[in-house]
Amino acid sequence: MGGILLLIYQSLFPDRDIKGIITVATPIDFSKLGLLYLLGWLLHNQVSDFVDMAGMVPSVLASAGFKLLSSYRLLTRTLNVVLDPEDFKAIAGYELTNEWLDSMIPYPGETFKEFFYELFLYNKLSEKNLYINGRYVDLKRVDIPVFSVAGESDNIAPVKSIEKIMDLISDKAEKEVVIAPGGHISVLIGDQAKEKVWQKIVDWIILQSGK
């Protein structure tokens, strides 16, 4: 969500002193989310009613949602630990993943609903139809360097939904998409994340800092 909000902010306030944007596992075209997008349409009334009743999306529910969507990868990580309890790399990955999932914070109700309907269901940012306080959000105004990371097996933010960023921002912007091993979580904390993601981010920052 942070990457989307940053892109929107830069579109609305392009004169602010932001040198570049890095997004990780940030979908823009939500229509590319397949089954998840379909489920959103099928269950949107129930989602809205629940959020109105609770006033928020509890952290335990947000955590459970991510675990459900990442169930296959979480299952394989668990099996790896059970079958080979001396594989300390697998154990570390298992613990990191669960720590991340169990430390989620609640989403404010109205903020979640606006995101859910405006950005997810109606896909307004991708469809170039998003307005905030009467102001049109035009990503073509984003003309600073943008570096995006996509997980090659991410079923929450598929590669195609992330690549759309490059079509929407200005042609003047320096753009790069890196497709790295891993899913929505493991792309950042998986076995290859240090080399395939973090090092590339550091190299990009150093490159941009020298300009």
N, C-alpha and C. Protein backbone atom coordinates (compact mmCIF):
# COMPACT_ATOMS: atom_id res chain seq x y z
N MET A 1 0.82 -1.20 0.00
CA MET A 1 0.00 0.00 0.00
C MET A 1 0.86 1.26 0.00
N GLY A 2 2.01 1.19 0.66
CA GLY A 2 2.88 2.36 0.76
C GLY A 2 3.35 2.86 -0.59
N GLY A 3 3.69 1.93 -1.48
CA GLY A 3 4.16 2.33 -2.81
C GLY A 3 3.08 3.05 -3.60
N ILE A 4 1.84 2.58 -3.49
CA ILE A 4 0.73 3.21 -4.18
C ILE A 4 0.51 4.63 -3.65
N LEU A 5 0.53 4.78 -2.33
CA LEU A 5 0.31 6.10 -1.73
C LEU A 5 1.42 7.07 -2.12
N LEU A 6 2.65 6.57 -2.21
CA LEU A 6 3.76 7.44 -2.60
C LEU A 6 3.62 7.91 -4.05
N LEU A 7 3.21 7.02 -4.94
CA LEU A 7 2.99 7.40 -6.34
C LEU A 7 1.87 8.43 -6.46
N ILE A 8 0.80 8.24 -5.69
CA ILE A 8 -0.30 9.19 -5.70
C ILE A 8 0.18 10.55 -5.18
N TYR A 9 0.93 10.53 -4.10
CA TYR A 9 1.44 11.78 -3.51
C TYR A 9 2.31 12.53 -4.51
N GLN A 10 3.21 11.81 -5.17
CA GLN A 10 4.10 12.46 -6.13
C GLN A 10 3.32 13.03 -7.31
N SER A 11 2.24 12.36 -7.69
CA SER A 11 1.40 12.87 -8.77
C SER A 11 0.73 14.18 -8.38
N LEU A 12 0.27 14.25 -7.14
CA LEU A 12 -0.44 15.45 -6.68
C LEU A 12 0.51 16.58 -6.31
N PHE A 13 1.72 16.24 -5.88
CA PHE A 13 2.68 17.25 -5.43
C PHE A 13 4.04 17.01 -6.10
N PRO A 14 4.12 17.17 -7.42
CA PRO A 14 5.36 16.85 -8.13
C PRO A 14 6.51 17.82 -7.85
N ASP A 15 6.20 18.96 -7.21
CA ASP A 15 7.24 19.94 -6.92
C ASP A 15 7.95 19.67 -5.61
N ARG A 16 7.53 18.65 -4.87
CA ARG A 16 8.21 18.32 -3.62
C ARG A 16 9.57 17.70 -3.92
N ASP A 17 10.47 17.80 -2.96
CA ASP A 17 11.86 17.40 -3.20
C ASP A 17 12.03 15.89 -2.99
N ILE A 18 11.43 15.12 -3.88
CA ILE A 18 11.59 13.66 -3.87
C ILE A 18 12.45 13.27 -5.06
N LYS A 19 13.55 12.60 -4.80
CA LYS A 19 14.53 12.30 -5.85
C LYS A 19 14.20 11.04 -6.63
N GLY A 20 13.49 10.13 -6.02
CA GLY A 20 13.18 8.88 -6.70
C GLY A 20 12.22 8.05 -5.85
N ILE A 21 11.62 7.06 -6.47
CA ILE A 21 10.65 6.20 -5.79
C ILE A 21 11.03 4.73 -5.98
N ILE A 22 10.99 3.99 -4.87
CA ILE A 22 11.20 2.54 -4.91
C ILE A 22 9.92 1.86 -4.44
N THR A 23 9.40 0.96 -5.23
CA THR A 23 8.23 0.19 -4.81
C THR A 23 8.59 -1.30 -4.82
N VAL A 24 8.03 -2.02 -3.86
CA VAL A 24 8.26 -3.46 -3.77
C VAL A 24 6.92 -4.17 -3.65
N ALA A 25 6.66 -5.08 -4.58
CA ALA A 25 5.39 -5.84 -4.57
C ALA A 25 4.19 -4.91 -4.52
N THR A 26 4.22 -3.88 -5.38
CA THR A 26 3.18 -2.85 -5.40
C THR A 26 2.33 -2.99 -6.66
N PRO A 27 1.12 -3.54 -6.53
CA PRO A 27 0.26 -3.66 -7.72
C PRO A 27 -0.41 -2.33 -8.04
N ILE A 28 -0.61 -2.09 -9.33
CA ILE A 28 -1.33 -0.90 -9.78
C ILE A 28 -2.59 -1.31 -10.54
N ASP A 29 -2.44 -2.32 -11.39
CA ASP A 29 -3.58 -2.82 -12.16
C ASP A 29 -4.17 -4.02 -11.42
N PHE A 30 -5.19 -3.76 -10.61
CA PHE A 30 -5.76 -4.81 -9.77
C PHE A 30 -6.58 -5.82 -10.55
N SER A 31 -6.92 -5.49 -11.79
CA SER A 31 -7.65 -6.45 -12.61
C SER A 31 -6.79 -7.66 -12.96
N LYS A 32 -5.49 -7.56 -12.75
CA LYS A 32 -4.57 -8.66 -13.05
C LYS A 32 -4.40 -9.62 -11.88
N LEU A 33 -5.18 -9.40 -10.79
CA LEU A 33 -5.02 -10.24 -9.61
C LEU A 33 -5.81 -11.54 -9.66
N GLY A 34 -6.47 -11.79 -10.79
CA GLY A 34 -7.13 -13.07 -11.02
C GLY A 34 -8.21 -13.40 -10.01
N LEU A 35 -8.05 -14.55 -9.35
CA LEU A 35 -9.06 -15.05 -8.42
C LEU A 35 -9.29 -14.07 -7.27
N LEU A 36 -8.25 -13.44 -6.79
CA LEU A 36 -8.39 -12.48 -5.69
C LEU A 36 -9.28 -11.32 -6.09
N TYR A 37 -9.13 -10.85 -7.32
CA TYR A 37 -9.96 -9.75 -7.82
C TYR A 37 -11.43 -10.20 -7.95
N LEU A 38 -11.63 -11.41 -8.43
CA LEU A 38 -12.98 -11.96 -8.56
C LEU A 38 -13.64 -12.10 -7.18
N LEU A 39 -12.89 -12.58 -6.21
CA LEU A 39 -13.42 -12.73 -4.85
C LEU A 39 -13.81 -11.38 -4.27
N GLY A 40 -13.03 -10.35 -4.60
CA GLY A 40 -13.35 -9.01 -4.13
C GLY A 40 -14.73 -8.56 -4.60
N TRP A 41 -15.02 -8.82 -5.87
CA TRP A 41 -16.33 -8.45 -6.41
C TRP A 41 -17.45 -9.31 -5.80
N LEU A 42 -17.19 -10.58 -5.59
CA LEU A 42 -18.22 -11.47 -5.05
C LEU A 42 -18.55 -11.15 -3.59
N LEU A 43 -17.55 -10.69 -2.84
CA LEU A 43 -17.73 -10.52 -1.39
C LEU A 43 -17.70 -9.07 -0.94
N HIS A 44 -17.76 -8.12 -1.87
CA HIS A 44 -17.54 -6.73 -1.47
C HIS A 44 -18.61 -6.22 -0.51
N ASN A 45 -19.86 -6.68 -0.64
CA ASN A 45 -20.90 -6.22 0.28
C ASN A 45 -20.64 -6.72 1.70
N GLN A 46 -20.23 -7.97 1.82
CA GLN A 46 -19.92 -8.53 3.13
C GLN A 46 -18.71 -7.83 3.75
N VAL A 47 -17.71 -7.55 2.92
CA VAL A 47 -16.53 -6.84 3.42
C VAL A 47 -16.91 -5.47 3.95
N SER A 48 -17.72 -4.75 3.19
CA SER A 48 -18.15 -3.41 3.59
C SER A 48 -18.97 -3.45 4.88
N ASP A 49 -19.88 -4.40 4.99
CA ASP A 49 -20.72 -4.51 6.19
C ASP A 49 -19.88 -4.83 7.42
N PHE A 50 -18.90 -5.71 7.25
CA PHE A 50 -18.05 -6.08 8.39
C PHE A 50 -17.23 -4.88 8.85
N VAL A 51 -16.64 -4.15 7.91
CA VAL A 51 -15.81 -2.99 8.28
C VAL A 51 -16.66 -1.93 8.96
N ASP A 52 -17.88 -1.73 8.47
CA ASP A 52 -18.78 -0.76 9.12
C ASP A 52 -19.10 -1.19 10.54
N MET A 53 -19.28 -2.47 10.75
CA MET A 53 -19.61 -2.98 12.08
C MET A 53 -18.41 -2.88 13.03
N ALA A 54 -17.24 -3.27 12.54
CA ALA A 54 -16.05 -3.31 13.39
C ALA A 54 -15.36 -1.95 13.49
N GLY A 55 -15.55 -1.10 12.49
CA GLY A 55 -14.89 0.19 12.48
C GLY A 55 -13.45 0.13 12.01
N MET A 56 -12.98 -1.07 11.71
CA MET A 56 -11.60 -1.25 11.26
C MET A 56 -11.45 -2.67 10.73
N VAL A 57 -10.26 -2.94 10.19
CA VAL A 57 -9.90 -4.32 9.86
C VAL A 57 -8.89 -4.77 10.92
N PRO A 58 -9.29 -5.64 11.85
CA PRO A 58 -8.39 -6.04 12.93
C PRO A 58 -7.09 -6.66 12.40
N SER A 59 -6.03 -6.47 13.15
CA SER A 59 -4.73 -6.99 12.72
C SER A 59 -4.75 -8.50 12.55
N VAL A 60 -5.49 -9.21 13.42
CA VAL A 60 -5.54 -10.67 13.31
C VAL A 60 -6.21 -11.10 12.01
N LEU A 61 -7.19 -10.31 11.55
CA LEU A 61 -7.87 -10.63 10.30
C LEU A 61 -6.98 -10.33 9.10
N ALA A 62 -6.26 -9.21 9.16
CA ALA A 62 -5.31 -8.88 8.09
C ALA A 62 -4.23 -9.94 7.98
N SER A 63 -3.73 -10.39 9.12
CA SER A 63 -2.72 -11.44 9.14
C SER A 63 -3.26 -12.75 8.57
N ALA A 64 -4.49 -13.10 8.97
CA ALA A 64 -5.10 -14.34 8.48
C ALA A 64 -5.31 -14.28 6.98
N GLY A 65 -5.68 -13.10 6.46
CA GLY A 65 -5.89 -12.95 5.03
C GLY A 65 -4.62 -13.18 4.25
N PHE A 66 -3.51 -12.61 4.71
CA PHE A 66 -2.24 -12.82 4.02
C PHE A 66 -1.80 -14.28 4.11
N LYS A 67 -2.03 -14.90 5.26
CA LYS A 67 -1.66 -16.31 5.42
C LYS A 67 -2.47 -17.20 4.47
N LEU A 68 -3.75 -16.88 4.32
CA LEU A 68 -4.59 -17.66 3.41
C LEU A 68 -4.13 -17.51 1.98
N LEU A 69 -3.81 -16.28 1.58
CA LEU A 69 -3.39 -16.03 0.20
C LEU A 69 -2.01 -16.62 -0.08
N SER A 70 -1.22 -16.79 0.97
CA SER A 70 0.14 -17.33 0.81
C SER A 70 0.22 -18.75 1.36
N SER A 71 -0.91 -19.43 1.42
CA SER A 71 -0.98 -20.72 2.12
C SER A 71 -0.03 -21.77 1.56
N TYR A 72 0.08 -21.84 0.22
CA TYR A 72 0.94 -22.87 -0.38
C TYR A 72 2.39 -22.66 0.02
N ARG A 73 2.85 -21.41 -0.09
CA ARG A 73 4.25 -21.12 0.25
C ARG A 73 4.52 -21.33 1.74
N LEU A 74 3.56 -20.94 2.58
CA LEU A 74 3.72 -21.14 4.02
C LEU A 74 3.75 -22.62 4.36
N LEU A 75 2.92 -23.41 3.65
CA LEU A 75 2.89 -24.85 3.90
C LEU A 75 4.23 -25.48 3.54
N THR A 76 4.79 -25.11 2.40
CA THR A 76 6.08 -25.69 1.99
C THR A 76 7.19 -25.29 2.96
N ARG A 77 7.15 -24.05 3.45
CA ARG A 77 8.16 -23.63 4.43
C ARG A 77 8.03 -24.45 5.72
N THR A 78 6.79 -24.68 6.16
CA THR A 78 6.56 -25.47 7.37
C THR A 78 7.06 -26.90 7.18
N LEU A 79 6.76 -27.50 6.04
CA LEU A 79 7.21 -28.86 5.76
C LEU A 79 8.73 -28.96 5.70
N ASN A 80 9.36 -27.95 5.13
CA ASN A 80 10.83 -27.94 5.07
C ASN A 80 11.44 -27.98 6.46
N VAL A 81 10.83 -27.21 7.39
CA VAL A 81 11.34 -27.18 8.76
C VAL A 81 11.11 -28.51 9.46
N VAL A 82 9.93 -29.11 9.25
CA VAL A 82 9.59 -30.38 9.90
C VAL A 82 10.48 -31.51 9.37
N LEU A 83 10.67 -31.56 8.06
CA LEU A 83 11.42 -32.65 7.44
C LEU A 83 12.92 -32.52 7.64
N ASP A 84 13.39 -31.30 7.81
CA ASP A 84 14.83 -31.10 8.00
C ASP A 84 15.06 -30.05 9.09
N PRO A 85 14.91 -30.44 10.36
CA PRO A 85 15.01 -29.49 11.47
C PRO A 85 16.40 -28.89 11.65
N GLU A 86 17.39 -29.39 10.91
CA GLU A 86 18.74 -28.83 11.00
C GLU A 86 19.04 -27.87 9.84
N ASP A 87 18.04 -27.63 9.00
CA ASP A 87 18.20 -26.66 7.93
C ASP A 87 17.92 -25.27 8.52
N PHE A 88 18.97 -24.65 9.04
CA PHE A 88 18.81 -23.40 9.77
C PHE A 88 18.37 -22.25 8.87
N LYS A 89 18.70 -22.32 7.60
CA LYS A 89 18.26 -21.28 6.67
C LYS A 89 16.74 -21.36 6.50
N ALA A 90 16.21 -22.57 6.39
CA ALA A 90 14.76 -22.75 6.26
C ALA A 90 14.06 -22.30 7.54
N ILE A 91 14.65 -22.61 8.68
CA ILE A 91 14.06 -22.22 9.96
C ILE A 91 14.02 -20.70 10.09
N ALA A 92 15.12 -20.06 9.70
CA ALA A 92 15.17 -18.60 9.77
C ALA A 92 14.12 -17.97 8.87
N GLY A 93 13.95 -18.53 7.65
CA GLY A 93 12.95 -18.01 6.73
C GLY A 93 11.55 -18.21 7.27
N TYR A 94 11.31 -19.36 7.89
CA TYR A 94 10.01 -19.66 8.49
C TYR A 94 9.69 -18.67 9.61
N GLU A 95 10.67 -18.42 10.47
CA GLU A 95 10.46 -17.52 11.60
C GLU A 95 10.26 -16.08 11.14
N LEU A 96 11.02 -15.66 10.14
CA LEU A 96 10.88 -14.30 9.62
C LEU A 96 9.50 -14.07 9.02
N THR A 97 9.06 -15.05 8.23
CA THR A 97 7.75 -14.93 7.59
C THR A 97 6.64 -14.83 8.63
N ASN A 98 6.67 -15.69 9.62
CA ASN A 98 5.63 -15.68 10.64
C ASN A 98 5.70 -14.43 11.51
N GLU A 99 6.89 -13.96 11.78
CA GLU A 99 7.03 -12.73 12.57
C GLU A 99 6.42 -11.55 11.81
N TRP A 100 6.67 -11.48 10.49
CA TRP A 100 6.12 -10.39 9.68
C TRP A 100 4.60 -10.46 9.65
N LEU A 101 4.07 -11.67 9.45
CA LEU A 101 2.62 -11.83 9.36
C LEU A 101 1.93 -11.54 10.69
N ASP A 102 2.58 -11.90 11.79
CA ASP A 102 1.96 -11.74 13.11
C ASP A 102 2.13 -10.34 13.68
N SER A 103 2.84 -9.46 12.98
CA SER A 103 3.07 -8.11 13.51
C SER A 103 2.31 -7.05 12.71
N MET A 104 1.31 -7.47 11.96
CA MET A 104 0.52 -6.52 11.19
C MET A 104 -0.32 -5.66 12.12
N ILE A 105 -0.61 -4.43 11.68
CA ILE A 105 -1.41 -3.52 12.49
C ILE A 105 -2.81 -3.40 11.88
N PRO A 106 -3.80 -2.95 12.66
CA PRO A 106 -5.16 -2.81 12.12
C PRO A 106 -5.21 -1.72 11.04
N TYR A 107 -6.14 -1.88 10.10
CA TYR A 107 -6.39 -0.86 9.08
C TYR A 107 -7.60 -0.03 9.51
N PRO A 108 -7.49 1.31 9.54
CA PRO A 108 -8.67 2.13 9.84
C PRO A 108 -9.79 1.83 8.85
N GLY A 109 -11.02 1.73 9.35
CA GLY A 109 -12.14 1.25 8.55
C GLY A 109 -12.39 2.04 7.28
N GLU A 110 -12.57 3.35 7.38
CA GLU A 110 -12.91 4.15 6.21
C GLU A 110 -11.75 4.22 5.22
N THR A 111 -10.53 4.24 5.74
CA THR A 111 -9.36 4.23 4.85
C THR A 111 -9.32 2.93 4.05
N PHE A 112 -9.57 1.81 4.74
CA PHE A 112 -9.58 0.52 4.06
C PHE A 112 -10.67 0.47 3.00
N LYS A 113 -11.87 0.94 3.34
CA LYS A 113 -12.98 0.89 2.40
C LYS A 113 -12.70 1.73 1.16
N GLU A 114 -12.13 2.91 1.37
CA GLU A 114 -11.82 3.76 0.22
C GLU A 114 -10.79 3.10 -0.68
N PHE A 115 -9.76 2.50 -0.06
CA PHE A 115 -8.75 1.78 -0.83
C PHE A 115 -9.38 0.59 -1.56
N PHE A 116 -10.20 -0.15 -0.83
CA PHE A 116 -10.81 -1.36 -1.38
C PHE A 116 -11.68 -1.05 -2.60
N TYR A 117 -12.49 -0.02 -2.50
CA TYR A 117 -13.40 0.29 -3.60
C TYR A 117 -12.73 1.10 -4.70
N GLU A 118 -12.08 2.19 -4.34
CA GLU A 118 -11.53 3.10 -5.35
C GLU A 118 -10.35 2.49 -6.10
N LEU A 119 -9.44 1.88 -5.38
CA LEU A 119 -8.21 1.38 -6.01
C LEU A 119 -8.30 -0.09 -6.41
N PHE A 120 -8.91 -0.90 -5.54
CA PHE A 120 -8.95 -2.34 -5.82
C PHE A 120 -10.11 -2.70 -6.76
N LEU A 121 -11.34 -2.54 -6.32
CA LEU A 121 -12.47 -2.98 -7.13
C LEU A 121 -12.62 -2.18 -8.42
N TYR A 122 -12.67 -0.86 -8.30
CA TYR A 122 -12.91 -0.02 -9.48
C TYR A 122 -11.62 0.29 -10.24
N ASN A 123 -10.48 -0.09 -9.65
CA ASN A 123 -9.20 0.00 -10.36
C ASN A 123 -8.95 1.39 -10.95
N LYS A 124 -9.33 2.42 -10.20
CA LYS A 124 -9.36 3.76 -10.76
C LYS A 124 -7.97 4.34 -11.08
N LEU A 125 -6.95 3.95 -10.31
CA LEU A 125 -5.62 4.48 -10.61
C LEU A 125 -5.12 3.94 -11.93
N SER A 126 -5.30 2.65 -12.16
CA SER A 126 -4.89 2.04 -13.41
C SER A 126 -5.72 2.52 -14.59
N GLU A 127 -7.01 2.77 -14.32
CA GLU A 127 -7.92 3.20 -15.38
C GLU A 127 -7.90 4.72 -15.60
N LYS A 128 -7.03 5.41 -14.90
CA LYS A 128 -6.85 6.86 -15.04
C LYS A 128 -8.14 7.62 -14.71
N ASN A 129 -8.76 7.20 -13.61
CA ASN A 129 -10.04 7.81 -13.24
C ASN A 129 -10.12 8.08 -11.74
N LEU A 130 -8.96 8.31 -11.12
CA LEU A 130 -8.93 8.52 -9.67
C LEU A 130 -8.85 10.01 -9.35
N TYR A 131 -9.76 10.46 -8.48
CA TYR A 131 -9.77 11.84 -8.01
C TYR A 131 -9.69 11.84 -6.48
N ILE A 132 -8.91 12.74 -5.93
CA ILE A 132 -8.80 12.91 -4.48
C ILE A 132 -9.08 14.37 -4.14
N ASN A 133 -10.12 14.60 -3.36
CA ASN A 133 -10.55 15.97 -3.03
C ASN A 133 -10.74 16.81 -4.29
N GLY A 134 -11.30 16.18 -5.32
CA GLY A 134 -11.58 16.88 -6.57
C GLY A 134 -10.39 17.03 -7.48
N ARG A 135 -9.23 16.53 -7.07
CA ARG A 135 -8.02 16.65 -7.89
C ARG A 135 -7.75 15.33 -8.61
N TYR A 136 -7.50 15.41 -9.91
CA TYR A 136 -7.24 14.24 -10.73
C TYR A 136 -5.84 13.72 -10.44
N VAL A 137 -5.73 12.43 -10.18
CA VAL A 137 -4.44 11.80 -9.94
C VAL A 137 -3.89 11.31 -11.27
N ASP A 138 -2.97 12.06 -11.83
CA ASP A 138 -2.39 11.74 -13.14
C ASP A 138 -0.95 11.27 -12.93
N LEU A 139 -0.74 9.96 -13.06
CA LEU A 139 0.61 9.44 -12.83
C LEU A 139 1.61 9.87 -13.90
N LYS A 140 1.13 10.45 -14.98
CA LYS A 140 2.05 11.00 -15.98
C LYS A 140 2.84 12.18 -15.42
N ARG A 141 2.38 12.72 -14.29
CA ARG A 141 3.11 13.80 -13.64
C ARG A 141 4.31 13.27 -12.84
N VAL A 142 4.38 11.96 -12.68
CA VAL A 142 5.52 11.36 -11.99
C VAL A 142 6.65 11.21 -13.00
N ASP A 143 7.60 12.14 -12.96
CA ASP A 143 8.69 12.13 -13.95
C ASP A 143 10.06 11.95 -13.30
N ILE A 144 10.07 11.48 -12.04
CA ILE A 144 11.32 11.17 -11.36
C ILE A 144 11.62 9.69 -11.51
N PRO A 145 12.85 9.25 -11.23
CA PRO A 145 13.19 7.83 -11.38
C PRO A 145 12.31 6.93 -10.50
N VAL A 146 11.88 5.81 -11.08
CA VAL A 146 11.05 4.84 -10.36
C VAL A 146 11.66 3.45 -10.54
N PHE A 147 11.87 2.78 -9.42
CA PHE A 147 12.46 1.43 -9.40
C PHE A 147 11.47 0.50 -8.72
N SER A 148 10.98 -0.51 -9.45
CA SER A 148 9.95 -1.40 -8.91
C SER A 148 10.46 -2.84 -8.86
N VAL A 149 10.15 -3.50 -7.76
CA VAL A 149 10.52 -4.91 -7.58
C VAL A 149 9.25 -5.75 -7.58
N ALA A 150 9.26 -6.83 -8.35
CA ALA A 150 8.12 -7.75 -8.40
C ALA A 150 8.60 -9.15 -8.08
N GLY A 151 7.81 -9.88 -7.29
CA GLY A 151 8.13 -11.28 -7.00
C GLY A 151 7.60 -12.17 -8.10
N GLU A 152 8.44 -13.02 -8.64
CA GLU A 152 8.04 -13.81 -9.81
C GLU A 152 6.93 -14.79 -9.50
N SER A 153 6.76 -15.17 -8.23
CA SER A 153 5.67 -16.09 -7.87
C SER A 153 4.67 -15.43 -6.92
N ASP A 154 4.59 -14.12 -6.98
CA ASP A 154 3.68 -13.36 -6.11
C ASP A 154 2.26 -13.46 -6.65
N ASN A 155 1.35 -14.09 -5.87
CA ASN A 155 -0.03 -14.20 -6.31
C ASN A 155 -0.91 -13.10 -5.72
N ILE A 156 -0.34 -12.24 -4.87
CA ILE A 156 -1.06 -11.10 -4.33
C ILE A 156 -0.82 -9.87 -5.19
N ALA A 157 0.40 -9.71 -5.65
CA ALA A 157 0.75 -8.61 -6.56
C ALA A 157 1.51 -9.20 -7.75
N PRO A 158 0.79 -9.81 -8.70
CA PRO A 158 1.45 -10.45 -9.84
C PRO A 158 2.29 -9.47 -10.66
N VAL A 159 3.26 -10.02 -11.36
CA VAL A 159 4.19 -9.20 -12.13
C VAL A 159 3.46 -8.25 -13.07
N LYS A 160 2.43 -8.74 -13.77
CA LYS A 160 1.73 -7.89 -14.74
C LYS A 160 1.03 -6.71 -14.07
N SER A 161 0.58 -6.91 -12.84
CA SER A 161 -0.09 -5.81 -12.15
C SER A 161 0.90 -4.74 -11.72
N ILE A 162 2.16 -5.12 -11.55
CA ILE A 162 3.21 -4.18 -11.15
C ILE A 162 3.80 -3.48 -12.36
N GLU A 163 3.98 -4.21 -13.45
CA GLU A 163 4.58 -3.62 -14.65
C GLU A 163 3.75 -2.46 -15.20
N LYS A 164 2.45 -2.43 -14.88
CA LYS A 164 1.58 -1.36 -15.37
C LYS A 164 2.05 0.01 -14.89
N ILE A 165 2.78 0.03 -13.77
CA ILE A 165 3.31 1.30 -13.26
C ILE A 165 4.10 2.01 -14.35
N MET A 166 4.90 1.26 -15.07
CA MET A 166 5.79 1.86 -16.05
C MET A 166 5.03 2.45 -17.24
N ASP A 167 3.84 1.92 -17.51
CA ASP A 167 3.02 2.47 -18.59
C ASP A 167 2.34 3.76 -18.17
N LEU A 168 2.08 3.91 -16.87
CA LEU A 168 1.29 5.03 -16.39
C LEU A 168 2.11 6.27 -16.05
N ILE A 169 3.36 6.08 -15.60
CA ILE A 169 4.16 7.25 -15.25
C ILE A 169 4.74 7.90 -16.50
N SER A 170 5.33 9.07 -16.32
CA SER A 170 5.82 9.86 -17.45
C SER A 170 6.89 9.12 -18.26
N ASP A 171 6.88 9.35 -19.56
CA ASP A 171 7.92 8.78 -20.42
C ASP A 171 9.29 9.41 -20.14
N LYS A 172 9.28 10.55 -19.45
CA LYS A 172 10.53 11.22 -19.11
C LYS A 172 11.21 10.56 -17.91
N ALA A 173 10.45 9.78 -17.16
CA ALA A 173 10.98 9.15 -15.95
C ALA A 173 11.94 8.02 -16.31
N GLU A 174 12.97 7.88 -15.52
CA GLU A 174 13.86 6.73 -15.64
C GLU A 174 13.18 5.57 -14.93
N LYS A 175 12.89 4.48 -15.66
CA LYS A 175 12.07 3.40 -15.13
C LYS A 175 12.83 2.08 -15.14
N GLU A 176 12.58 1.28 -14.12
CA GLU A 176 13.18 -0.06 -14.09
C GLU A 176 12.31 -0.99 -13.25
N VAL A 177 12.06 -2.19 -13.79
CA VAL A 177 11.36 -3.23 -13.04
C VAL A 177 12.30 -4.41 -12.89
N VAL A 178 12.47 -4.88 -11.67
CA VAL A 178 13.28 -6.06 -11.39
C VAL A 178 12.35 -7.18 -10.94
N ILE A 179 12.39 -8.29 -11.64
CA ILE A 179 11.59 -9.47 -11.26
C ILE A 179 12.51 -10.42 -10.50
N ALA A 180 12.22 -10.60 -9.22
CA ALA A 180 13.10 -11.36 -8.34
C ALA A 180 12.42 -12.63 -7.84
N PRO A 181 13.21 -13.60 -7.40
CA PRO A 181 12.62 -14.84 -6.87
C PRO A 181 11.78 -14.55 -5.63
N GLY A 182 10.65 -15.25 -5.49
CA GLY A 182 9.87 -15.14 -4.27
C GLY A 182 8.45 -14.68 -4.50
N GLY A 183 7.67 -14.77 -3.42
CA GLY A 183 6.29 -14.33 -3.43
C GLY A 183 6.16 -12.95 -2.80
N HIS A 184 4.97 -12.64 -2.32
CA HIS A 184 4.69 -11.29 -1.82
C HIS A 184 5.54 -10.95 -0.59
N ILE A 185 5.85 -11.94 0.20
CA ILE A 185 6.65 -11.72 1.41
C ILE A 185 8.10 -12.13 1.18
N SER A 186 8.29 -13.32 0.62
CA SER A 186 9.65 -13.86 0.49
C SER A 186 10.50 -13.09 -0.51
N VAL A 187 9.88 -12.27 -1.37
CA VAL A 187 10.70 -11.46 -2.27
C VAL A 187 11.60 -10.52 -1.47
N LEU A 188 11.17 -10.17 -0.25
CA LEU A 188 11.96 -9.27 0.60
C LEU A 188 12.77 -9.99 1.67
N ILE A 189 12.31 -11.16 2.10
CA ILE A 189 13.00 -11.82 3.22
C ILE A 189 13.41 -13.24 2.90
N GLY A 190 13.28 -13.64 1.63
CA GLY A 190 13.64 -15.00 1.24
C GLY A 190 15.14 -15.21 1.15
N ASP A 191 15.53 -16.45 0.84
CA ASP A 191 16.93 -16.82 0.79
C ASP A 191 17.75 -15.96 -0.17
N GLN A 192 17.12 -15.55 -1.28
CA GLN A 192 17.87 -14.82 -2.31
C GLN A 192 17.62 -13.31 -2.27
N ALA A 193 16.86 -12.86 -1.28
CA ALA A 193 16.47 -11.46 -1.24
C ALA A 193 17.67 -10.52 -1.10
N LYS A 194 18.65 -10.90 -0.30
CA LYS A 194 19.80 -10.02 -0.08
C LYS A 194 20.51 -9.70 -1.39
N GLU A 195 20.72 -10.74 -2.21
CA GLU A 195 21.45 -10.55 -3.47
C GLU A 195 20.55 -10.03 -4.58
N LYS A 196 19.36 -10.59 -4.70
CA LYS A 196 18.50 -10.30 -5.85
C LYS A 196 17.65 -9.04 -5.68
N VAL A 197 17.44 -8.61 -4.43
CA VAL A 197 16.57 -7.45 -4.20
C VAL A 197 17.31 -6.34 -3.47
N TRP A 198 17.74 -6.62 -2.24
CA TRP A 198 18.34 -5.55 -1.43
C TRP A 198 19.59 -4.96 -2.06
N GLN A 199 20.45 -5.82 -2.62
CA GLN A 199 21.67 -5.30 -3.25
C GLN A 199 21.34 -4.44 -4.47
N LYS A 200 20.33 -4.85 -5.21
CA LYS A 200 19.93 -4.07 -6.38
C LYS A 200 19.34 -2.72 -5.96
N ILE A 201 18.61 -2.72 -4.86
CA ILE A 201 18.05 -1.46 -4.36
C ILE A 201 19.18 -0.53 -3.93
N VAL A 202 20.15 -1.08 -3.20
CA VAL A 202 21.30 -0.27 -2.77
C VAL A 202 22.05 0.28 -3.97
N ASP A 203 22.30 -0.56 -4.96
CA ASP A 203 23.01 -0.11 -6.17
C ASP A 203 22.25 0.99 -6.87
N TRP A 204 20.93 0.87 -6.92
CA TRP A 204 20.10 1.89 -7.59
C TRP A 204 20.16 3.21 -6.84
N ILE A 205 20.09 3.14 -5.50
CA ILE A 205 20.17 4.36 -4.69
C ILE A 205 21.51 5.05 -4.88
N ILE A 206 22.57 4.27 -4.90
CA ILE A 206 23.91 4.84 -5.10
C ILE A 206 24.02 5.49 -6.47
N LEU A 207 23.46 4.82 -7.48
CA LEU A 207 23.47 5.36 -8.83
C LEU A 207 22.73 6.68 -8.90
N GLN A 208 21.53 6.73 -8.30
CA GLN A 208 20.74 7.95 -8.34
C GLN A 208 21.38 9.05 -7.51
N SER A 209 22.05 8.70 -6.43
CA SER A 209 22.68 9.71 -5.58
C SER A 209 23.84 10.42 -6.28
N GLY A 210 24.43 9.73 -7.25
CA GLY A 210 25.55 10.32 -7.97
C GLY A 210 25.15 11.22 -9.11
N LYS A 211 23.84 11.37 -9.35
CA LYS A 211 23.38 12.18 -10.47
C LYS A 211 23.12 13.62 -10.06
